[in-house]
């Protein structure tokens, strides 16, 4: 497995862990957990607004913005994990 594949696999493992820990959460608790997950990869107010604005220009993204955001989070995690592997 190459470095990118390894980093992506580890990022998805972290998402699996997040889901396992948060599975009983609902409403405000889940929103808070997702916000903290975003912050863990550097997505706070300004990047969040940039993502929302840019999604408007991507066809189909309005139907599943959470899925797009998840992709961004996984990508950022993988990049961070790859940086730490060096």
PDB file of N, CA and C in Angstrom:
ATOM      1  N   UNK A   1       0.854  -1.172   0.000  1.00  0.00           N
ATOM      2  CA  UNK A   1       0.000   0.000   0.000  1.00  0.00           C
ATOM      3  C   UNK A   1       0.903   1.239   0.000  1.00  0.00           C
ATOM      4  N   UNK A   2       0.600   2.193  -0.892  1.00  0.00           N
ATOM      5  CA  UNK A   2       1.441   3.385  -0.939  1.00  0.00           C
ATOM      6  C   UNK A   2       1.056   4.372   0.163  1.00  0.00           C
ATOM      7  N   UNK A   3       1.825   5.425   0.292  1.00  0.00           N
ATOM      8  CA  UNK A   3       1.646   6.388   1.383  1.00  0.00           C
ATOM      9  C   UNK A   3       0.256   7.028   1.383  1.00  0.00           C
ATOM     10  N   UNK A   4      -0.231   7.415   0.194  1.00  0.00           N
ATOM     11  CA  UNK A   4      -1.544   8.030   0.109  1.00  0.00           C
ATOM     12  C   UNK A   4      -2.631   7.045   0.547  1.00  0.00           C
ATOM     13  N   UNK A   5      -2.559   5.824   0.079  1.00  0.00           N
ATOM     14  CA  UNK A   5      -3.543   4.811   0.465  1.00  0.00           C
ATOM     15  C   UNK A   5      -3.521   4.552   1.963  1.00  0.00           C
ATOM     16  N   UNK A   6      -2.326   4.499   2.525  1.00  0.00           N
ATOM     17  CA  UNK A   6      -2.196   4.286   3.968  1.00  0.00           C
ATOM     18  C   UNK A   6      -2.811   5.442   4.749  1.00  0.00           C
ATOM     19  N   UNK A   7      -2.522   6.667   4.327  1.00  0.00           N
ATOM     20  CA  UNK A   7      -3.063   7.844   5.012  1.00  0.00           C
ATOM     21  C   UNK A   7      -4.578   7.912   4.890  1.00  0.00           C
ATOM     22  N   UNK A   8      -5.104   7.602   3.709  1.00  0.00           N
ATOM     23  CA  UNK A   8      -6.557   7.595   3.532  1.00  0.00           C
ATOM     24  C   UNK A   8      -7.213   6.525   4.387  1.00  0.00           C
ATOM     25  N   UNK A   9      -6.617   5.342   4.436  1.00  0.00           N
ATOM     26  CA  UNK A   9      -7.169   4.258   5.261  1.00  0.00           C
ATOM     27  C   UNK A   9      -7.197   4.671   6.729  1.00  0.00           C
ATOM     28  N   UNK A  10      -6.127   5.300   7.191  1.00  0.00           N
ATOM     29  CA  UNK A  10      -6.084   5.756   8.585  1.00  0.00           C
ATOM     30  C   UNK A  10      -7.110   6.846   8.842  1.00  0.00           C
ATOM     31  N   UNK A  11      -7.313   7.757   7.875  1.00  0.00           N
ATOM     32  CA  UNK A  11      -8.319   8.810   8.028  1.00  0.00           C
ATOM     33  C   UNK A  11      -9.717   8.202   8.114  1.00  0.00           C
ATOM     34  N   UNK A  12     -10.011   7.231   7.254  1.00  0.00           N
ATOM     35  CA  UNK A  12     -11.316   6.570   7.323  1.00  0.00           C
ATOM     36  C   UNK A  12     -11.471   5.797   8.628  1.00  0.00           C
ATOM     37  N   UNK A  13     -10.390   5.229   9.133  1.00  0.00           N
ATOM     38  CA  UNK A  13     -10.450   4.559  10.440  1.00  0.00           C
ATOM     39  C   UNK A  13     -10.830   5.549  11.535  1.00  0.00           C
ATOM     40  N   UNK A  14     -10.310   6.758  11.448  1.00  0.00           N
ATOM     41  CA  UNK A  14     -10.660   7.787  12.435  1.00  0.00           C
ATOM     42  C   UNK A  14     -12.129   8.178  12.333  1.00  0.00           C
ATOM     43  N   UNK A  15     -12.646   8.252  11.116  1.00  0.00           N
ATOM     44  CA  UNK A  15     -14.067   8.545  10.937  1.00  0.00           C
ATOM     45  C   UNK A  15     -14.898   7.403  11.514  1.00  0.00           C
ATOM     46  N   UNK A  16     -14.475   6.163  11.293  1.00  0.00           N
ATOM     47  CA  UNK A  16     -15.168   5.010  11.889  1.00  0.00           C
ATOM     48  C   UNK A  16     -15.188   5.118  13.410  1.00  0.00           C
ATOM     49  N   UNK A  17     -14.051   5.501  13.991  1.00  0.00           N
ATOM     50  CA  UNK A  17     -13.975   5.673  15.444  1.00  0.00           C
ATOM     51  C   UNK A  17     -14.924   6.776  15.911  1.00  0.00           C
ATOM     52  N   UNK A  18     -14.944   7.879  15.183  1.00  0.00           N
ATOM     53  CA  UNK A  18     -15.830   8.991  15.514  1.00  0.00           C
ATOM     54  C   UNK A  18     -17.282   8.515  15.506  1.00  0.00           C
ATOM     55  N   UNK A  19     -17.665   7.792  14.468  1.00  0.00           N
ATOM     56  CA  UNK A  19     -19.041   7.308  14.377  1.00  0.00           C
ATOM     57  C   UNK A  19     -19.376   6.351  15.521  1.00  0.00           C
ATOM     58  N   UNK A  20     -18.440   5.497  15.872  1.00  0.00           N
ATOM     59  CA  UNK A  20     -18.684   4.546  16.960  1.00  0.00           C
ATOM     60  C   UNK A  20     -18.922   5.271  18.285  1.00  0.00           C
ATOM     61  N   UNK A  21     -18.129   6.290  18.541  1.00  0.00           N
ATOM     62  CA  UNK A  21     -18.253   7.036  19.793  1.00  0.00           C
ATOM     63  C   UNK A  21     -19.525   7.888  19.803  1.00  0.00           C
ATOM     64  N   UNK A  22     -19.915   8.408  18.655  1.00  0.00           N
ATOM     65  CA  UNK A  22     -21.041   9.347  18.586  1.00  0.00           C
ATOM     66  C   UNK A  22     -22.374   8.691  18.251  1.00  0.00           C
ATOM     67  N   UNK A  23     -22.416   7.379  18.082  1.00  0.00           N
ATOM     68  CA  UNK A  23     -23.633   6.728  17.596  1.00  0.00           C
ATOM     69  C   UNK A  23     -24.868   6.964  18.457  1.00  0.00           C
ATOM     70  N   UNK A  24     -24.703   7.192  19.741  1.00  0.00           N
ATOM     71  CA  UNK A  24     -25.872   7.405  20.602  1.00  0.00           C
ATOM     72  C   UNK A  24     -26.231   8.884  20.743  1.00  0.00           C
ATOM     73  N   UNK A  25     -25.475   9.755  20.117  1.00  0.00           N
ATOM     74  CA  UNK A  25     -25.731  11.187  20.214  1.00  0.00           C
ATOM     75  C   UNK A  25     -26.818  11.607  19.225  1.00  0.00           C
ATOM     76  N   UNK A  26     -27.511  12.661  19.558  1.00  0.00           N
ATOM     77  CA  UNK A  26     -28.524  13.210  18.660  1.00  0.00           C
ATOM     78  C   UNK A  26     -28.620  14.712  18.887  1.00  0.00           C
ATOM     79  N   UNK A  27     -29.230  15.392  17.945  1.00  0.00           N
ATOM     80  CA  UNK A  27     -29.495  16.820  18.080  1.00  0.00           C
ATOM     81  C   UNK A  27     -28.270  17.662  18.338  1.00  0.00           C
ATOM     82  N   UNK A  28     -28.360  18.512  19.357  1.00  0.00           N
ATOM     83  CA  UNK A  28     -27.292  19.465  19.663  1.00  0.00           C
ATOM     84  C   UNK A  28     -25.973  18.786  20.008  1.00  0.00           C
ATOM     85  N   UNK A  29     -26.040  17.642  20.692  1.00  0.00           N
ATOM     86  CA  UNK A  29     -24.797  16.934  21.042  1.00  0.00           C
ATOM     87  C   UNK A  29     -24.062  16.470  19.789  1.00  0.00           C
ATOM     88  N   UNK A  30     -24.809  15.970  18.802  1.00  0.00           N
ATOM     89  CA  UNK A  30     -24.182  15.505  17.570  1.00  0.00           C
ATOM     90  C   UNK A  30     -23.639  16.678  16.765  1.00  0.00           C
ATOM     91  N   UNK A  31     -24.375  17.764  16.723  1.00  0.00           N
ATOM     92  CA  UNK A  31     -23.895  18.967  16.018  1.00  0.00           C
ATOM     93  C   UNK A  31     -22.592  19.454  16.649  1.00  0.00           C
ATOM     94  N   UNK A  32     -22.545  19.480  17.978  1.00  0.00           N
ATOM     95  CA  UNK A  32     -21.324  19.899  18.670  1.00  0.00           C
ATOM     96  C   UNK A  32     -20.158  18.959  18.333  1.00  0.00           C
ATOM     97  N   UNK A  33     -20.422  17.665  18.309  1.00  0.00           N
ATOM     98  CA  UNK A  33     -19.375  16.690  17.983  1.00  0.00           C
ATOM     99  C   UNK A  33     -18.863  16.886  16.559  1.00  0.00           C
ATOM    100  N   UNK A  34     -19.755  17.122  15.625  1.00  0.00           N
ATOM    101  CA  UNK A  34     -19.346  17.341  14.228  1.00  0.00           C
ATOM    102  C   UNK A  34     -18.544  18.634  14.118  1.00  0.00           C
ATOM    103  N   UNK A  35     -18.957  19.667  14.831  1.00  0.00           N
ATOM    104  CA  UNK A  35     -18.184  20.920  14.826  1.00  0.00           C
ATOM    105  C   UNK A  35     -16.782  20.703  15.384  1.00  0.00           C
ATOM    106  N   UNK A  36     -16.670  19.918  16.438  1.00  0.00           N
ATOM    107  CA  UNK A  36     -15.343  19.623  17.003  1.00  0.00           C
ATOM    108  C   UNK A  36     -14.507  18.788  16.038  1.00  0.00           C
ATOM    109  N   UNK A  37     -15.153  17.861  15.321  1.00  0.00           N
ATOM    110  CA  UNK A  37     -14.438  17.086  14.305  1.00  0.00           C
ATOM    111  C   UNK A  37     -13.888  18.017  13.230  1.00  0.00           C
ATOM    112  N   UNK A  38     -14.704  18.959  12.793  1.00  0.00           N
ATOM    113  CA  UNK A  38     -14.249  19.928  11.798  1.00  0.00           C
ATOM    114  C   UNK A  38     -13.066  20.745  12.336  1.00  0.00           C
ATOM    115  N   UNK A  39     -13.188  21.221  13.557  1.00  0.00           N
ATOM    116  CA  UNK A  39     -12.106  22.015  14.156  1.00  0.00           C
ATOM    117  C   UNK A  39     -10.817  21.204  14.278  1.00  0.00           C
ATOM    118  N   UNK A  40     -10.939  19.901  14.472  1.00  0.00           N
ATOM    119  CA  UNK A  40      -9.741  19.062  14.624  1.00  0.00           C
ATOM    120  C   UNK A  40      -8.872  19.046  13.369  1.00  0.00           C
ATOM    121  N   UNK A  41      -9.475  19.384  12.216  1.00  0.00           N
ATOM    122  CA  UNK A  41      -8.702  19.447  10.976  1.00  0.00           C
ATOM    123  C   UNK A  41      -8.574  20.884  10.471  1.00  0.00           C
ATOM    124  N   UNK A  42      -8.889  21.857  11.338  1.00  0.00           N
ATOM    125  CA  UNK A  42      -8.687  23.262  10.993  1.00  0.00           C
ATOM    126  C   UNK A  42      -9.873  23.955  10.353  1.00  0.00           C
ATOM    127  N   UNK A  43     -11.033  23.289  10.292  1.00  0.00           N
ATOM    128  CA  UNK A  43     -12.214  23.916   9.708  1.00  0.00           C
ATOM    129  C   UNK A  43     -12.981  24.631  10.815  1.00  0.00           C
ATOM    130  N   UNK A  44     -12.800  25.946  10.846  1.00  0.00           N
ATOM    131  CA  UNK A  44     -13.546  26.772  11.790  1.00  0.00           C
ATOM    132  C   UNK A  44     -14.385  27.752  10.976  1.00  0.00           C
ATOM    133  N   UNK A  45     -14.719  28.885  11.512  1.00  0.00           N
ATOM    134  CA  UNK A  45     -15.678  29.795  10.869  1.00  0.00           C
ATOM    135  C   UNK A  45     -15.303  30.196   9.438  1.00  0.00           C
ATOM    136  N   UNK A  46     -14.104  30.727   9.246  1.00  0.00           N
ATOM    137  CA  UNK A  46     -13.721  31.217   7.920  1.00  0.00           C
ATOM    138  C   UNK A  46     -13.653  30.089   6.891  1.00  0.00           C
ATOM    139  N   UNK A  47     -12.940  28.986   7.172  1.00  0.00           N
ATOM    140  CA  UNK A  47     -12.942  27.886   6.195  1.00  0.00           C
ATOM    141  C   UNK A  47     -14.343  27.298   5.972  1.00  0.00           C
ATOM    142  N   UNK A  48     -15.153  27.227   7.018  1.00  0.00           N
ATOM    143  CA  UNK A  48     -16.516  26.698   6.882  1.00  0.00           C
ATOM    144  C   UNK A  48     -17.325  27.569   5.916  1.00  0.00           C
ATOM    145  N   UNK A  49     -17.186  28.884   6.028  1.00  0.00           N
ATOM    146  CA  UNK A  49     -17.888  29.805   5.129  1.00  0.00           C
ATOM    147  C   UNK A  49     -17.370  29.660   3.696  1.00  0.00           C
ATOM    148  N   UNK A  50     -16.068  29.493   3.547  1.00  0.00           N
ATOM    149  CA  UNK A  50     -15.486  29.303   2.218  1.00  0.00           C
ATOM    150  C   UNK A  50     -16.022  28.027   1.576  1.00  0.00           C
ATOM    151  N   UNK A  51     -16.083  26.955   2.350  1.00  0.00           N
ATOM    152  CA  UNK A  51     -16.616  25.689   1.834  1.00  0.00           C
ATOM    153  C   UNK A  51     -18.064  25.874   1.391  1.00  0.00           C
ATOM    154  N   UNK A  52     -18.877  26.510   2.223  1.00  0.00           N
ATOM    155  CA  UNK A  52     -20.288  26.730   1.886  1.00  0.00           C
ATOM    156  C   UNK A  52     -20.433  27.536   0.595  1.00  0.00           C
ATOM    157  N   UNK A  53     -19.624  28.575   0.455  1.00  0.00           N
ATOM    158  CA  UNK A  53     -19.682  29.409  -0.743  1.00  0.00           C
ATOM    159  C   UNK A  53     -19.260  28.627  -1.976  1.00  0.00           C
ATOM    160  N   UNK A  54     -18.185  27.877  -1.858  1.00  0.00           N
ATOM    161  CA  UNK A  54     -17.676  27.129  -3.014  1.00  0.00           C
ATOM    162  C   UNK A  54     -18.592  25.973  -3.407  1.00  0.00           C
ATOM    163  N   UNK A  55     -19.292  25.397  -2.432  1.00  0.00           N
ATOM    164  CA  UNK A  55     -20.212  24.306  -2.743  1.00  0.00           C
ATOM    165  C   UNK A  55     -21.332  24.764  -3.660  1.00  0.00           C
ATOM    166  N   UNK A  56     -21.705  26.033  -3.535  1.00  0.00           N
ATOM    167  CA  UNK A  56     -22.773  26.563  -4.385  1.00  0.00           C
ATOM    168  C   UNK A  56     -22.424  26.424  -5.862  1.00  0.00           C
ATOM    169  N   UNK A  57     -21.140  26.410  -6.198  1.00  0.00           N
ATOM    170  CA  UNK A  57     -20.709  26.319  -7.587  1.00  0.00           C
ATOM    171  C   UNK A  57     -20.459  24.908  -8.073  1.00  0.00           C
ATOM    172  N   UNK A  58     -20.666  23.920  -7.224  1.00  0.00           N
ATOM    173  CA  UNK A  58     -20.436  22.524  -7.614  1.00  0.00           C
ATOM    174  C   UNK A  58     -21.789  21.853  -7.812  1.00  0.00           C
ATOM    175  N   UNK A  59     -22.061  21.470  -9.038  1.00  0.00           N
ATOM    176  CA  UNK A  59     -23.348  20.856  -9.367  1.00  0.00           C
ATOM    177  C   UNK A  59     -23.607  19.624  -8.500  1.00  0.00           C
ATOM    178  N   UNK A  60     -24.798  19.568  -7.932  1.00  0.00           N
ATOM    179  CA  UNK A  60     -25.211  18.421  -7.138  1.00  0.00           C
ATOM    180  C   UNK A  60     -24.813  18.461  -5.682  1.00  0.00           C
ATOM    181  N   UNK A  61     -23.911  19.337  -5.312  1.00  0.00           N
ATOM    182  CA  UNK A  61     -23.425  19.339  -3.930  1.00  0.00           C
ATOM    183  C   UNK A  61     -24.501  19.785  -2.941  1.00  0.00           C
ATOM    184  N   UNK A  62     -25.466  20.553  -3.402  1.00  0.00           N
ATOM    185  CA  UNK A  62     -26.515  21.017  -2.493  1.00  0.00           C
ATOM    186  C   UNK A  62     -27.403  19.871  -2.016  1.00  0.00           C
ATOM    187  N   UNK A  63     -27.403  18.761  -2.745  1.00  0.00           N
ATOM    188  CA  UNK A  63     -28.198  17.600  -2.337  1.00  0.00           C
ATOM    189  C   UNK A  63     -27.531  16.812  -1.231  1.00  0.00           C
ATOM    190  N   UNK A  64     -26.217  16.972  -1.067  1.00  0.00           N
ATOM    191  CA  UNK A  64     -25.502  16.196  -0.054  1.00  0.00           C
ATOM    192  C   UNK A  64     -24.309  16.969   0.501  1.00  0.00           C
ATOM    193  N   UNK A  65     -24.532  18.160   1.060  1.00  0.00           N
ATOM    194  CA  UNK A  65     -23.403  18.951   1.541  1.00  0.00           C
ATOM    195  C   UNK A  65     -22.620  18.257   2.650  1.00  0.00           C
ATOM    196  N   UNK A  66     -23.296  17.456   3.453  1.00  0.00           N
ATOM    197  CA  UNK A  66     -22.599  16.725   4.514  1.00  0.00           C
ATOM    198  C   UNK A  66     -21.610  15.718   3.955  1.00  0.00           C
ATOM    199  N   UNK A  67     -21.969  15.092   2.852  1.00  0.00           N
ATOM    200  CA  UNK A  67     -21.067  14.128   2.225  1.00  0.00           C
ATOM    201  C   UNK A  67     -19.837  14.828   1.651  1.00  0.00           C
ATOM    202  N   UNK A  68     -20.066  15.994   1.065  1.00  0.00           N
ATOM    203  CA  UNK A  68     -18.933  16.761   0.537  1.00  0.00           C
ATOM    204  C   UNK A  68     -18.027  17.184   1.686  1.00  0.00           C
ATOM    205  N   UNK A  69     -18.624  17.681   2.766  1.00  0.00           N
ATOM    206  CA  UNK A  69     -17.836  18.093   3.931  1.00  0.00           C
ATOM    207  C   UNK A  69     -17.060  16.907   4.500  1.00  0.00           C
ATOM    208  N   UNK A  70     -17.693  15.745   4.554  1.00  0.00           N
ATOM    209  CA  UNK A  70     -16.988  14.554   5.024  1.00  0.00           C
ATOM    210  C   UNK A  70     -15.774  14.259   4.147  1.00  0.00           C
ATOM    211  N   UNK A  71     -15.928  14.412   2.848  1.00  0.00           N
ATOM    212  CA  UNK A  71     -14.799  14.214   1.944  1.00  0.00           C
ATOM    213  C   UNK A  71     -13.660  15.184   2.215  1.00  0.00           C
ATOM    214  N   UNK A  72     -14.010  16.434   2.482  1.00  0.00           N
ATOM    215  CA  UNK A  72     -13.000  17.448   2.816  1.00  0.00           C
ATOM    216  C   UNK A  72     -12.286  17.056   4.113  1.00  0.00           C
ATOM    217  N   UNK A  73     -13.061  16.632   5.116  1.00  0.00           N
ATOM    218  CA  UNK A  73     -12.477  16.252   6.405  1.00  0.00           C
ATOM    219  C   UNK A  73     -11.542  15.063   6.233  1.00  0.00           C
ATOM    220  N   UNK A  74     -11.984  14.032   5.498  1.00  0.00           N
ATOM    221  CA  UNK A  74     -11.132  12.854   5.277  1.00  0.00           C
ATOM    222  C   UNK A  74      -9.856  13.263   4.540  1.00  0.00           C
ATOM    223  N   UNK A  75      -9.992  14.115   3.538  1.00  0.00           N
ATOM    224  CA  UNK A  75      -8.814  14.568   2.796  1.00  0.00           C
ATOM    225  C   UNK A  75      -7.830  15.328   3.674  1.00  0.00           C
ATOM    226  N   UNK A  76      -8.354  16.218   4.512  1.00  0.00           N
ATOM    227  CA  UNK A  76      -7.481  16.977   5.405  1.00  0.00           C
ATOM    228  C   UNK A  76      -6.811  16.072   6.433  1.00  0.00           C
ATOM    229  N   UNK A  77      -7.573  15.101   6.955  1.00  0.00           N
ATOM    230  CA  UNK A  77      -6.975  14.142   7.898  1.00  0.00           C
ATOM    231  C   UNK A  77      -5.861  13.344   7.230  1.00  0.00           C
ATOM    232  N   UNK A  78      -6.132  12.862   6.020  1.00  0.00           N
ATOM    233  CA  UNK A  78      -5.134  12.070   5.294  1.00  0.00           C
ATOM    234  C   UNK A  78      -3.871  12.885   5.041  1.00  0.00           C
ATOM    235  N   UNK A  79      -4.050  14.150   4.663  1.00  0.00           N
ATOM    236  CA  UNK A  79      -2.890  15.015   4.430  1.00  0.00           C
ATOM    237  C   UNK A  79      -2.091  15.217   5.707  1.00  0.00           C
ATOM    238  N   UNK A  80      -2.813  15.423   6.805  1.00  0.00           N
ATOM    239  CA  UNK A  80      -2.136  15.598   8.106  1.00  0.00           C
ATOM    240  C   UNK A  80      -1.390  14.326   8.498  1.00  0.00           C
ATOM    241  N   UNK A  81      -2.026  13.193   8.314  1.00  0.00           N
ATOM    242  CA  UNK A  81      -1.389  11.915   8.663  1.00  0.00           C
ATOM    243  C   UNK A  81      -0.166  11.659   7.777  1.00  0.00           C
ATOM    244  N   UNK A  82      -0.249  12.027   6.512  1.00  0.00           N
ATOM    245  CA  UNK A  82       0.891  11.850   5.605  1.00  0.00           C
ATOM    246  C   UNK A  82       2.047  12.738   6.040  1.00  0.00           C
ATOM    247  N   UNK A  83       1.742  13.964   6.463  1.00  0.00           N
ATOM    248  CA  UNK A  83       2.801  14.883   6.937  1.00  0.00           C
ATOM    249  C   UNK A  83       3.511  14.328   8.162  1.00  0.00           C
ATOM    250  N   UNK A  84       2.759  13.678   9.042  1.00  0.00           N
ATOM    251  CA  UNK A  84       3.355  13.129  10.263  1.00  0.00           C
ATOM    252  C   UNK A  84       4.119  11.846   9.996  1.00  0.00           C
ATOM    253  N   UNK A  85       3.876  11.208   8.852  1.00  0.00           N
ATOM    254  CA  UNK A  85       4.566   9.967   8.530  1.00  0.00           C
ATOM    255  C   UNK A  85       5.968  10.225   8.001  1.00  0.00           C
ATOM    256  N   UNK A  86       6.228  11.470   7.585  1.00  0.00           N
ATOM    257  CA  UNK A  86       7.537  11.804   6.989  1.00  0.00           C
ATOM    258  C   UNK A  86       8.597  11.898   8.056  1.00  0.00           C
TER     259      UNK A  86
END
